[in-house]
Protein backbone atom coordinates (compact mmCIF):
# COMPACT_ATOMS: atom_id res chain seq x y z
CA MET A 1 20.57 -67.14 -68.41
CA LYS A 2 20.36 -66.27 -65.07
CA GLU A 3 17.39 -64.52 -63.23
CA ILE A 4 19.76 -61.44 -62.38
CA ASP A 5 21.17 -61.24 -65.52
CA VAL A 6 17.73 -61.02 -67.14
CA ARG A 7 16.67 -58.25 -64.71
CA THR A 8 19.71 -56.24 -65.54
CA GLN A 9 18.84 -56.44 -69.23
CA LEU A 10 15.31 -55.46 -68.66
CA VAL A 11 16.58 -52.51 -66.45
CA HIS A 12 18.98 -51.58 -69.37
CA ARG A 13 15.97 -51.41 -71.62
CA ILE A 14 14.13 -49.36 -69.32
CA HIS A 15 16.74 -46.61 -69.25
CA ARG A 16 17.16 -46.38 -73.07
CA ILE A 17 13.32 -45.86 -73.26
CA GLN A 18 13.68 -43.29 -70.36
CA GLY A 19 16.32 -41.49 -72.64
CA GLN A 20 14.16 -41.69 -75.76
CA LEU A 21 11.54 -39.97 -73.73
CA GLU A 22 13.72 -37.42 -72.21
CA ALA A 23 14.90 -36.62 -75.68
CA ILE A 24 11.39 -36.14 -76.99
CA GLU A 25 10.67 -33.77 -73.88
CA LYS A 26 13.50 -31.75 -74.75
CA GLY A 27 12.08 -31.47 -78.06
CA LEU A 28 9.01 -29.83 -76.98
CA PHE A 29 10.75 -26.68 -75.35
CA ASP A 30 13.20 -26.38 -78.60
CA ASP A 31 11.85 -23.92 -81.08
CA LYS A 32 14.52 -25.21 -83.79
CA ALA A 33 13.47 -28.96 -83.09
CA ASP A 34 12.94 -30.95 -86.15
CA CYS A 35 9.18 -32.36 -85.99
CA GLU A 36 9.91 -35.51 -88.44
CA LYS A 37 13.09 -36.41 -85.83
CA THR A 38 10.58 -36.26 -82.97
CA LEU A 39 8.12 -38.14 -84.65
CA MET A 40 10.64 -40.66 -85.21
CA GLN A 41 11.93 -40.76 -81.49
CA LEU A 42 8.45 -41.25 -80.44
CA LYS A 43 7.80 -44.03 -82.76
CA ALA A 44 11.24 -45.58 -81.51
CA SER A 45 10.08 -45.27 -77.88
CA SER A 46 6.78 -47.04 -78.59
CA GLN A 47 8.68 -50.02 -80.23
CA ALA A 48 10.98 -50.26 -77.52
CA LEU A 49 8.34 -50.36 -75.05
CA LYS A 50 6.47 -53.00 -77.16
CA LYS A 51 9.61 -54.77 -77.28
CA PHE A 52 10.33 -54.27 -73.44
CA GLY A 53 6.78 -55.97 -72.83
CA GLU A 54 7.76 -59.03 -74.79
CA ALA A 55 11.13 -59.57 -73.06
CA TYR A 56 9.36 -59.26 -69.72
CA MET A 57 6.65 -61.62 -70.65
CA HIS A 58 9.33 -64.17 -71.78
CA ALA A 59 11.27 -63.61 -68.43
CA TYR A 60 7.73 -64.00 -66.48
CA MET A 61 6.80 -67.25 -68.44
CA ASP A 62 10.44 -68.79 -67.94
CA LYS A 63 10.14 -68.22 -64.28
CA CYS A 64 6.81 -69.59 -63.87
CA PHE A 65 7.71 -72.69 -65.60
CA THR A 66 11.00 -73.42 -63.66
CA GLU A 67 9.60 -72.60 -60.32
CA LYS A 68 7.40 -76.08 -61.00
CA ARG A 69 4.10 -74.79 -59.94
CA GLY A 70 1.53 -77.13 -60.34
CA SER A 71 -0.30 -77.83 -63.66
CA SER A 72 -3.25 -76.07 -63.07
CA ASN A 73 -1.48 -72.96 -61.49
CA ILE A 74 0.59 -72.57 -64.39
CA LYS A 75 -2.26 -72.87 -66.47
CA GLU A 76 -4.20 -69.82 -64.68
CA ASN A 77 -0.63 -67.69 -64.79
CA VAL A 78 -0.30 -68.11 -68.60
CA ARG A 79 -3.93 -67.25 -68.91
CA LYS A 80 -3.38 -63.85 -66.56
CA ALA A 81 -0.09 -62.93 -68.54
CA ILE A 82 -1.73 -63.39 -71.79
CA ARG A 83 -4.74 -61.29 -70.74
CA THR A 84 -2.47 -58.56 -69.26
CA ALA A 85 -0.25 -58.62 -72.36
CA PHE A 86 -3.07 -57.95 -74.98
CA SER A 87 -5.33 -55.62 -72.70
CA ILE A 88 -2.40 -52.93 -72.87
């Protein structure tokens, strides 16, 4: 898949997450808001953010390997990416 397509897909994921968070925010000011529904939206947005991180990581790794960097540089980039992903 082209890099621009991957970026577009990542942006679409971010927009969906933003929509979910906006719905949660609106629920905070709605006295008739369904608490269970709000919690489900919170869970869905959390999962969507995790999935975004995973998709971003895959895109980063693909880019890293296709740029034909030196093997020691790739190794360090993989280590940085793994450290970053698991320190969130």
